[in-house]
């Protein structure tokens, strides 16, 4: 897979080098986002929310462990029916906690949705500013050097991150 990506990148760059009129810029979108106060506030809020939810789930697991330990200590004294009821109660509570964990932290969970609500408008604004920068200065291609895009080197004269941050302020 790496060979395929490197081959593609080489062919792409060779194609770009043959087009001398093409204008290229490089920005670090992560750096731009981190420079925005509203993005930092959103991240802090999301981190706080996630920490609260993790703490809540951890205390639920502690309660389940306590239930299990109590059950283990009393198991020999319990009738078969009471034993089964307690086992089912422990298993059901554990299932409920796992389901809550999935609802909050899963791929389509509440944390993901909240992140979309809070961060997506900020990202949309940054990408609109990138489009404005490209159209204002006739850039044909703007690459994000902050992501795993495979850029190993870029000439600093192409880095327009500072200019983009000024445009967003």
N, C-alpha and C. Protein backbone atom coordinates (compact mmCIF):
# COMPACT_ATOMS: atom_id res chain seq x y z
N UNK A 1 0.82 -1.18 0.00
CA UNK A 1 0.00 0.00 0.00
C UNK A 1 0.87 1.26 0.00
N UNK A 2 1.98 1.21 0.79
CA UNK A 2 2.87 2.37 0.82
C UNK A 2 3.50 2.61 -0.55
N UNK A 3 3.88 1.51 -1.23
CA UNK A 3 4.48 1.66 -2.55
C UNK A 3 3.50 2.29 -3.51
N UNK A 4 2.23 1.88 -3.41
CA UNK A 4 1.20 2.43 -4.28
C UNK A 4 1.04 3.93 -4.04
N UNK A 5 1.00 4.33 -2.75
CA UNK A 5 0.84 5.74 -2.41
C UNK A 5 2.05 6.55 -2.87
N UNK A 6 3.25 6.00 -2.68
CA UNK A 6 4.45 6.72 -3.11
C UNK A 6 4.51 6.84 -4.63
N UNK A 7 4.10 5.79 -5.32
CA UNK A 7 4.07 5.84 -6.78
C UNK A 7 3.08 6.89 -7.25
N UNK A 8 1.91 6.91 -6.63
CA UNK A 8 0.90 7.89 -7.00
C UNK A 8 1.42 9.30 -6.75
N UNK A 9 2.05 9.52 -5.59
CA UNK A 9 2.58 10.84 -5.25
C UNK A 9 3.66 11.26 -6.24
N UNK A 10 4.53 10.32 -6.63
CA UNK A 10 5.59 10.64 -7.58
C UNK A 10 5.00 11.03 -8.93
N UNK A 11 4.04 10.27 -9.41
CA UNK A 11 3.40 10.59 -10.70
C UNK A 11 2.69 11.93 -10.60
N UNK A 12 2.02 12.18 -9.48
CA UNK A 12 1.32 13.43 -9.28
C UNK A 12 2.29 14.61 -9.30
N UNK A 13 3.40 14.47 -8.57
CA UNK A 13 4.37 15.56 -8.52
C UNK A 13 5.06 15.77 -9.86
N UNK A 14 5.33 14.70 -10.59
CA UNK A 14 5.92 14.85 -11.92
C UNK A 14 4.95 15.59 -12.83
N UNK A 15 3.67 15.26 -12.71
CA UNK A 15 2.66 15.95 -13.51
C UNK A 15 2.59 17.42 -13.15
N UNK A 16 2.72 17.72 -11.88
CA UNK A 16 2.70 19.11 -11.45
C UNK A 16 3.93 19.87 -11.93
N UNK A 17 5.08 19.20 -11.93
CA UNK A 17 6.30 19.89 -12.35
C UNK A 17 6.28 20.25 -13.82
N UNK A 18 5.52 19.50 -14.61
CA UNK A 18 5.46 19.81 -16.03
C UNK A 18 4.53 21.00 -16.31
N UNK A 19 3.71 21.36 -15.37
CA UNK A 19 2.83 22.51 -15.52
C UNK A 19 3.43 23.67 -14.75
N UNK A 20 4.21 24.48 -15.42
CA UNK A 20 4.94 25.53 -14.73
C UNK A 20 4.04 26.68 -14.28
N UNK A 21 2.87 26.84 -14.86
CA UNK A 21 2.00 27.95 -14.52
C UNK A 21 1.12 27.64 -13.31
N UNK A 22 1.18 26.46 -12.81
CA UNK A 22 0.31 26.08 -11.71
C UNK A 22 0.82 26.69 -10.41
N UNK A 23 -0.10 27.25 -9.62
CA UNK A 23 0.26 27.87 -8.34
C UNK A 23 -0.19 26.97 -7.21
N UNK A 24 0.75 26.73 -6.28
CA UNK A 24 0.51 25.81 -5.18
C UNK A 24 0.77 26.54 -3.87
N UNK A 25 -0.06 26.23 -2.86
CA UNK A 25 0.15 26.77 -1.52
C UNK A 25 -0.02 25.62 -0.52
N UNK A 26 0.59 25.80 0.63
CA UNK A 26 0.50 24.80 1.69
C UNK A 26 0.02 25.51 2.95
N UNK A 27 -0.96 24.92 3.63
CA UNK A 27 -1.42 25.45 4.91
C UNK A 27 -1.48 24.31 5.92
N UNK A 28 -1.43 24.65 7.18
CA UNK A 28 -1.57 23.68 8.25
C UNK A 28 -2.93 23.95 8.91
N UNK A 29 -3.94 23.20 8.50
CA UNK A 29 -5.30 23.42 8.99
C UNK A 29 -5.39 23.20 10.50
N UNK A 30 -4.66 22.23 11.02
CA UNK A 30 -4.66 21.99 12.48
C UNK A 30 -4.15 23.20 13.23
N UNK A 31 -3.09 23.81 12.74
CA UNK A 31 -2.53 25.00 13.38
C UNK A 31 -3.52 26.15 13.32
N UNK A 32 -4.19 26.29 12.20
CA UNK A 32 -5.18 27.35 12.05
C UNK A 32 -6.33 27.14 13.04
N UNK A 33 -6.84 25.91 13.11
CA UNK A 33 -7.93 25.62 14.04
C UNK A 33 -7.51 25.88 15.48
N UNK A 34 -6.31 25.44 15.84
CA UNK A 34 -5.82 25.63 17.21
C UNK A 34 -5.64 27.11 17.55
N UNK A 35 -5.46 27.96 16.55
CA UNK A 35 -5.28 29.39 16.81
C UNK A 35 -6.60 30.10 17.05
N UNK A 36 -7.72 29.45 16.77
CA UNK A 36 -9.03 30.07 16.94
C UNK A 36 -9.56 29.80 18.35
N UNK A 37 -9.90 30.87 19.06
CA UNK A 37 -10.40 30.75 20.43
C UNK A 37 -11.68 29.93 20.52
N UNK A 38 -12.57 30.12 19.56
CA UNK A 38 -13.83 29.39 19.60
C UNK A 38 -13.61 27.89 19.41
N UNK A 39 -12.61 27.50 18.63
CA UNK A 39 -12.29 26.08 18.46
C UNK A 39 -11.72 25.51 19.76
N UNK A 40 -10.83 26.29 20.39
CA UNK A 40 -10.26 25.84 21.67
C UNK A 40 -11.34 25.71 22.73
N UNK A 41 -12.28 26.63 22.76
CA UNK A 41 -13.39 26.56 23.72
C UNK A 41 -14.24 25.32 23.46
N UNK A 42 -14.53 25.06 22.20
CA UNK A 42 -15.33 23.88 21.84
C UNK A 42 -14.60 22.61 22.26
N UNK A 43 -13.29 22.55 22.01
CA UNK A 43 -12.51 21.37 22.39
C UNK A 43 -12.51 21.17 23.90
N UNK A 44 -12.37 22.27 24.65
CA UNK A 44 -12.38 22.16 26.11
C UNK A 44 -13.73 21.65 26.59
N UNK A 45 -14.80 22.17 26.02
CA UNK A 45 -16.14 21.74 26.40
C UNK A 45 -16.34 20.26 26.08
N UNK A 46 -15.89 19.83 24.91
CA UNK A 46 -16.00 18.42 24.53
C UNK A 46 -15.16 17.54 25.45
N UNK A 47 -13.96 17.99 25.78
CA UNK A 47 -13.10 17.22 26.68
C UNK A 47 -13.73 17.09 28.07
N UNK A 48 -14.34 18.19 28.56
CA UNK A 48 -15.00 18.17 29.86
C UNK A 48 -16.18 17.21 29.85
N UNK A 49 -16.98 17.28 28.79
CA UNK A 49 -18.13 16.40 28.65
C UNK A 49 -17.72 14.93 28.61
N UNK A 50 -16.68 14.64 27.82
CA UNK A 50 -16.18 13.26 27.71
C UNK A 50 -15.65 12.77 29.06
N UNK A 51 -14.93 13.63 29.78
CA UNK A 51 -14.39 13.25 31.09
C UNK A 51 -15.53 12.96 32.08
N UNK A 52 -16.56 13.80 32.06
CA UNK A 52 -17.71 13.56 32.94
C UNK A 52 -18.36 12.21 32.63
N UNK A 53 -18.56 11.95 31.36
CA UNK A 53 -19.19 10.69 30.95
C UNK A 53 -18.32 9.48 31.30
N UNK A 54 -17.01 9.62 31.11
CA UNK A 54 -16.10 8.52 31.47
C UNK A 54 -16.16 8.24 32.97
N UNK A 55 -16.20 9.32 33.76
CA UNK A 55 -16.28 9.17 35.22
C UNK A 55 -17.58 8.49 35.61
N UNK A 56 -18.68 8.89 34.98
CA UNK A 56 -19.98 8.28 35.27
C UNK A 56 -19.97 6.79 34.95
N UNK A 57 -19.40 6.43 33.82
CA UNK A 57 -19.36 5.02 33.41
C UNK A 57 -18.42 4.23 34.32
N UNK A 58 -17.30 4.85 34.70
CA UNK A 58 -16.37 4.17 35.61
C UNK A 58 -17.02 3.90 36.96
N UNK A 59 -17.80 4.85 37.46
CA UNK A 59 -18.46 4.60 38.75
C UNK A 59 -19.54 3.53 38.62
N UNK A 60 -20.18 3.45 37.46
CA UNK A 60 -21.14 2.37 37.23
C UNK A 60 -20.44 1.01 37.25
N UNK A 61 -19.29 0.94 36.59
CA UNK A 61 -18.52 -0.31 36.59
C UNK A 61 -18.06 -0.66 38.00
N UNK A 62 -17.69 0.35 38.78
CA UNK A 62 -17.31 0.09 40.18
C UNK A 62 -18.48 -0.47 40.96
N UNK A 63 -19.68 0.07 40.73
CA UNK A 63 -20.87 -0.42 41.42
C UNK A 63 -21.16 -1.87 41.01
N UNK A 64 -20.96 -2.17 39.73
CA UNK A 64 -21.18 -3.55 39.26
C UNK A 64 -20.17 -4.49 39.91
N UNK A 65 -18.93 -4.04 40.00
CA UNK A 65 -17.90 -4.86 40.64
C UNK A 65 -18.25 -5.09 42.11
N UNK A 66 -18.76 -4.09 42.76
CA UNK A 66 -19.17 -4.22 44.15
C UNK A 66 -20.32 -5.21 44.28
N UNK A 67 -21.29 -5.13 43.36
CA UNK A 67 -22.40 -6.08 43.35
C UNK A 67 -21.88 -7.51 43.18
N UNK A 68 -20.93 -7.66 42.27
CA UNK A 68 -20.38 -8.99 42.00
C UNK A 68 -19.63 -9.53 43.22
N UNK A 69 -18.83 -8.67 43.84
CA UNK A 69 -18.08 -9.11 45.04
C UNK A 69 -19.03 -9.51 46.17
N UNK A 70 -20.10 -8.74 46.35
CA UNK A 70 -21.09 -9.08 47.37
C UNK A 70 -21.76 -10.40 47.03
N UNK A 71 -22.07 -10.58 45.75
CA UNK A 71 -22.68 -11.83 45.30
C UNK A 71 -21.74 -13.01 45.56
N UNK A 72 -20.47 -12.84 45.24
CA UNK A 72 -19.48 -13.90 45.45
C UNK A 72 -19.40 -14.29 46.93
N UNK A 73 -19.45 -13.30 47.80
CA UNK A 73 -19.35 -13.57 49.24
C UNK A 73 -20.59 -14.29 49.77
N UNK A 74 -21.76 -13.98 49.21
CA UNK A 74 -23.01 -14.56 49.70
C UNK A 74 -23.49 -15.75 48.88
N UNK A 75 -22.81 -16.07 47.84
CA UNK A 75 -23.26 -17.08 46.87
C UNK A 75 -23.60 -18.42 47.52
N UNK A 76 -22.78 -18.89 48.42
CA UNK A 76 -23.01 -20.21 49.02
C UNK A 76 -24.25 -20.23 49.92
N UNK A 77 -24.67 -19.07 50.39
CA UNK A 77 -25.82 -19.00 51.29
C UNK A 77 -27.15 -18.80 50.55
N UNK A 78 -27.08 -18.55 49.26
CA UNK A 78 -28.28 -18.21 48.49
C UNK A 78 -28.90 -19.45 47.85
N UNK A 79 -30.21 -19.38 47.69
CA UNK A 79 -30.90 -20.47 46.97
C UNK A 79 -30.61 -20.32 45.48
N UNK A 80 -30.89 -21.37 44.72
CA UNK A 80 -30.64 -21.34 43.28
C UNK A 80 -31.40 -20.21 42.60
N UNK A 81 -32.63 -20.00 43.01
CA UNK A 81 -33.46 -18.96 42.39
C UNK A 81 -32.90 -17.57 42.66
N UNK A 82 -32.53 -17.29 43.90
CA UNK A 82 -31.97 -15.98 44.26
C UNK A 82 -30.62 -15.78 43.57
N UNK A 83 -29.84 -16.84 43.49
CA UNK A 83 -28.54 -16.78 42.82
C UNK A 83 -28.72 -16.38 41.35
N UNK A 84 -29.66 -17.02 40.67
CA UNK A 84 -29.92 -16.70 39.26
C UNK A 84 -30.40 -15.26 39.12
N UNK A 85 -31.25 -14.81 40.03
CA UNK A 85 -31.75 -13.43 39.98
C UNK A 85 -30.60 -12.43 40.12
N UNK A 86 -29.72 -12.69 41.05
CA UNK A 86 -28.58 -11.79 41.26
C UNK A 86 -27.64 -11.80 40.06
N UNK A 87 -27.38 -12.98 39.51
CA UNK A 87 -26.52 -13.07 38.33
C UNK A 87 -27.13 -12.29 37.17
N UNK A 88 -28.43 -12.46 36.97
CA UNK A 88 -29.11 -11.73 35.89
C UNK A 88 -29.06 -10.23 36.12
N UNK A 89 -29.24 -9.81 37.37
CA UNK A 89 -29.19 -8.39 37.69
C UNK A 89 -27.81 -7.81 37.37
N UNK A 90 -26.77 -8.55 37.71
CA UNK A 90 -25.40 -8.09 37.43
C UNK A 90 -25.17 -8.01 35.92
N UNK A 91 -25.56 -9.07 35.22
CA UNK A 91 -25.36 -9.11 33.76
C UNK A 91 -26.16 -8.00 33.09
N UNK A 92 -27.41 -7.80 33.50
CA UNK A 92 -28.25 -6.76 32.89
C UNK A 92 -27.71 -5.36 33.14
N UNK A 93 -27.21 -5.15 34.34
CA UNK A 93 -26.64 -3.83 34.65
C UNK A 93 -25.38 -3.58 33.83
N UNK A 94 -24.58 -4.63 33.66
CA UNK A 94 -23.37 -4.49 32.85
C UNK A 94 -23.72 -4.21 31.39
N UNK A 95 -24.73 -4.89 30.87
CA UNK A 95 -25.19 -4.64 29.50
C UNK A 95 -25.67 -3.20 29.34
N UNK A 96 -26.40 -2.71 30.33
CA UNK A 96 -26.92 -1.34 30.28
C UNK A 96 -25.78 -0.33 30.26
N UNK A 97 -24.75 -0.58 31.05
CA UNK A 97 -23.61 0.34 31.08
C UNK A 97 -22.86 0.30 29.75
N UNK A 98 -22.68 -0.89 29.20
CA UNK A 98 -22.02 -0.98 27.89
C UNK A 98 -22.82 -0.27 26.81
N UNK A 99 -24.14 -0.39 26.87
CA UNK A 99 -25.00 0.28 25.90
C UNK A 99 -24.90 1.80 26.06
N UNK A 100 -24.89 2.28 27.30
CA UNK A 100 -24.73 3.71 27.54
C UNK A 100 -23.37 4.20 27.02
N UNK A 101 -22.35 3.38 27.23
CA UNK A 101 -21.01 3.73 26.74
C UNK A 101 -21.02 3.83 25.22
N UNK A 102 -21.69 2.90 24.58
CA UNK A 102 -21.79 2.91 23.11
C UNK A 102 -22.57 4.12 22.63
N UNK A 103 -23.67 4.45 23.33
CA UNK A 103 -24.48 5.60 22.94
C UNK A 103 -23.73 6.91 23.09
N UNK A 104 -22.83 6.96 24.03
CA UNK A 104 -22.10 8.21 24.26
C UNK A 104 -20.81 8.31 23.45
N UNK A 105 -20.07 7.19 23.35
CA UNK A 105 -18.75 7.24 22.74
C UNK A 105 -18.65 6.49 21.42
N UNK A 106 -19.72 5.88 20.97
CA UNK A 106 -19.69 5.11 19.73
C UNK A 106 -19.51 6.00 18.51
N UNK A 107 -19.35 5.38 17.34
CA UNK A 107 -19.12 6.14 16.10
C UNK A 107 -20.23 7.15 15.79
N UNK A 108 -21.44 6.86 16.15
CA UNK A 108 -22.55 7.80 15.94
C UNK A 108 -23.12 8.26 17.28
N UNK A 109 -22.30 8.20 18.32
CA UNK A 109 -22.74 8.51 19.67
C UNK A 109 -22.92 9.99 19.93
N UNK A 110 -23.34 10.28 21.14
CA UNK A 110 -23.64 11.65 21.55
C UNK A 110 -22.41 12.55 21.48
N UNK A 111 -21.24 12.03 21.82
CA UNK A 111 -20.02 12.85 21.77
C UNK A 111 -19.69 13.22 20.32
N UNK A 112 -19.83 12.26 19.41
CA UNK A 112 -19.59 12.54 17.99
C UNK A 112 -20.58 13.60 17.48
N UNK A 113 -21.83 13.45 17.84
CA UNK A 113 -22.85 14.41 17.39
C UNK A 113 -22.60 15.80 17.96
N UNK A 114 -22.22 15.82 19.23
CA UNK A 114 -21.93 17.11 19.87
C UNK A 114 -20.71 17.77 19.21
N UNK A 115 -19.71 16.96 18.88
CA UNK A 115 -18.53 17.48 18.19
C UNK A 115 -18.92 18.07 16.83
N UNK A 116 -19.81 17.36 16.13
CA UNK A 116 -20.28 17.86 14.84
C UNK A 116 -20.98 19.21 15.01
N UNK A 117 -21.82 19.33 16.03
CA UNK A 117 -22.55 20.58 16.26
C UNK A 117 -21.62 21.73 16.59
N UNK A 118 -20.59 21.45 17.38
CA UNK A 118 -19.73 22.52 17.86
C UNK A 118 -18.58 22.85 16.92
N UNK A 119 -17.99 21.85 16.30
CA UNK A 119 -16.76 22.05 15.54
C UNK A 119 -17.02 22.23 14.04
N UNK A 120 -18.04 21.59 13.50
CA UNK A 120 -18.30 21.64 12.07
C UNK A 120 -18.45 23.08 11.53
N UNK A 121 -19.20 23.96 12.22
CA UNK A 121 -19.30 25.34 11.70
C UNK A 121 -17.94 26.05 11.65
N UNK A 122 -17.09 25.78 12.62
CA UNK A 122 -15.76 26.40 12.64
C UNK A 122 -14.94 25.87 11.47
N UNK A 123 -14.98 24.55 11.26
CA UNK A 123 -14.24 23.96 10.14
C UNK A 123 -14.77 24.48 8.81
N UNK A 124 -16.08 24.63 8.69
CA UNK A 124 -16.66 25.17 7.46
C UNK A 124 -16.16 26.57 7.19
N UNK A 125 -16.05 27.38 8.25
CA UNK A 125 -15.54 28.75 8.10
C UNK A 125 -14.08 28.75 7.63
N UNK A 126 -13.28 27.84 8.19
CA UNK A 126 -11.87 27.74 7.79
C UNK A 126 -11.76 27.33 6.32
N UNK A 127 -12.56 26.33 5.92
CA UNK A 127 -12.49 25.89 4.53
C UNK A 127 -13.02 26.95 3.57
N UNK A 128 -13.98 27.75 4.00
CA UNK A 128 -14.44 28.86 3.17
C UNK A 128 -13.32 29.90 3.01
N UNK A 129 -12.58 30.14 4.09
CA UNK A 129 -11.45 31.08 4.02
C UNK A 129 -10.35 30.54 3.11
N UNK A 130 -10.16 29.22 3.12
CA UNK A 130 -9.17 28.60 2.22
C UNK A 130 -9.61 28.80 0.77
N UNK A 131 -10.88 28.61 0.50
CA UNK A 131 -11.39 28.82 -0.87
C UNK A 131 -11.23 30.28 -1.28
N UNK A 132 -11.50 31.22 -0.34
CA UNK A 132 -11.30 32.64 -0.64
C UNK A 132 -9.84 32.95 -0.94
N UNK A 133 -8.94 32.38 -0.13
CA UNK A 133 -7.51 32.58 -0.34
C UNK A 133 -7.10 32.07 -1.72
N UNK A 134 -7.61 30.91 -2.07
CA UNK A 134 -7.27 30.33 -3.37
C UNK A 134 -7.79 31.19 -4.52
N UNK A 135 -9.01 31.68 -4.40
CA UNK A 135 -9.55 32.49 -5.49
C UNK A 135 -8.93 33.88 -5.53
N UNK A 136 -8.65 34.48 -4.36
CA UNK A 136 -8.05 35.82 -4.32
C UNK A 136 -6.65 35.83 -4.92
N UNK A 137 -5.89 34.77 -4.70
CA UNK A 137 -4.49 34.76 -5.13
C UNK A 137 -4.21 33.77 -6.26
N UNK A 138 -5.25 33.28 -6.88
CA UNK A 138 -5.13 32.38 -8.04
C UNK A 138 -4.31 31.12 -7.76
N UNK A 139 -4.53 30.51 -6.60
CA UNK A 139 -3.85 29.24 -6.32
C UNK A 139 -4.63 28.12 -7.00
N UNK A 140 -3.90 27.24 -7.63
CA UNK A 140 -4.52 26.10 -8.28
C UNK A 140 -4.68 24.92 -7.32
N UNK A 141 -3.82 24.89 -6.33
CA UNK A 141 -3.82 23.76 -5.42
C UNK A 141 -3.34 24.24 -4.05
N UNK A 142 -4.09 23.89 -3.01
CA UNK A 142 -3.68 24.18 -1.64
C UNK A 142 -3.67 22.86 -0.89
N UNK A 143 -2.54 22.51 -0.36
CA UNK A 143 -2.38 21.25 0.35
C UNK A 143 -2.36 21.48 1.85
N UNK A 144 -2.89 20.53 2.59
CA UNK A 144 -2.87 20.59 4.05
C UNK A 144 -1.65 19.83 4.53
N UNK A 145 -0.68 20.54 5.07
CA UNK A 145 0.53 19.86 5.53
C UNK A 145 0.38 19.34 6.95
N UNK A 146 -0.72 19.65 7.62
CA UNK A 146 -0.93 19.20 8.99
C UNK A 146 -1.55 17.82 9.07
N UNK A 147 -2.10 17.33 7.98
CA UNK A 147 -2.74 16.01 8.02
C UNK A 147 -1.78 14.96 7.48
N UNK A 148 -2.22 13.73 7.48
CA UNK A 148 -1.40 12.63 6.99
C UNK A 148 -1.52 12.55 5.47
N UNK A 149 -1.16 13.63 4.81
CA UNK A 149 -1.34 13.69 3.37
C UNK A 149 -0.15 13.12 2.59
N UNK A 150 0.91 12.79 3.28
CA UNK A 150 2.06 12.20 2.61
C UNK A 150 3.07 13.21 2.13
N UNK A 151 2.93 14.47 2.50
CA UNK A 151 3.90 15.48 2.11
C UNK A 151 5.11 15.36 3.03
N UNK A 152 6.23 15.09 2.45
CA UNK A 152 7.44 14.94 3.24
C UNK A 152 8.23 16.24 3.33
N UNK A 153 8.10 17.07 2.35
CA UNK A 153 8.81 18.34 2.32
C UNK A 153 7.98 19.35 1.55
N UNK A 154 8.02 20.57 2.03
CA UNK A 154 7.41 21.66 1.27
C UNK A 154 8.25 22.90 1.46
N UNK A 155 8.38 23.64 0.42
CA UNK A 155 9.14 24.87 0.47
C UNK A 155 8.39 25.85 1.37
N UNK A 156 9.06 26.45 2.35
CA UNK A 156 8.37 27.37 3.27
C UNK A 156 7.71 28.56 2.56
N UNK A 157 8.17 28.90 1.39
CA UNK A 157 7.54 30.03 0.69
C UNK A 157 6.13 29.70 0.24
N UNK A 158 5.77 28.42 0.20
CA UNK A 158 4.41 28.02 -0.15
C UNK A 158 3.48 27.98 1.05
N UNK A 159 4.03 28.08 2.26
CA UNK A 159 3.22 27.97 3.47
C UNK A 159 2.43 29.26 3.68
N UNK A 160 1.14 29.17 3.57
CA UNK A 160 0.26 30.33 3.72
C UNK A 160 -0.59 30.25 5.00
N UNK A 161 -0.12 29.48 5.98
CA UNK A 161 -0.86 29.30 7.22
C UNK A 161 -1.06 30.63 7.94
N UNK A 162 0.00 31.42 8.10
CA UNK A 162 -0.09 32.70 8.80
C UNK A 162 -1.07 33.63 8.09
N UNK A 163 -1.00 33.65 6.77
CA UNK A 163 -1.89 34.52 6.00
C UNK A 163 -3.36 34.11 6.20
N UNK A 164 -3.60 32.81 6.25
CA UNK A 164 -4.96 32.31 6.47
C UNK A 164 -5.44 32.67 7.87
N UNK A 165 -4.56 32.58 8.87
CA UNK A 165 -4.95 32.93 10.24
C UNK A 165 -5.28 34.42 10.32
N UNK A 166 -4.52 35.26 9.63
CA UNK A 166 -4.82 36.70 9.60
C UNK A 166 -6.19 36.94 8.97
N UNK A 167 -6.49 36.19 7.93
CA UNK A 167 -7.75 36.34 7.21
C UNK A 167 -8.94 35.97 8.10
N UNK A 168 -8.74 35.01 9.01
CA UNK A 168 -9.83 34.56 9.90
C UNK A 168 -10.03 35.48 11.09
N UNK A 169 -9.09 36.32 11.41
CA UNK A 169 -9.22 37.20 12.60
C UNK A 169 -10.00 38.44 12.31
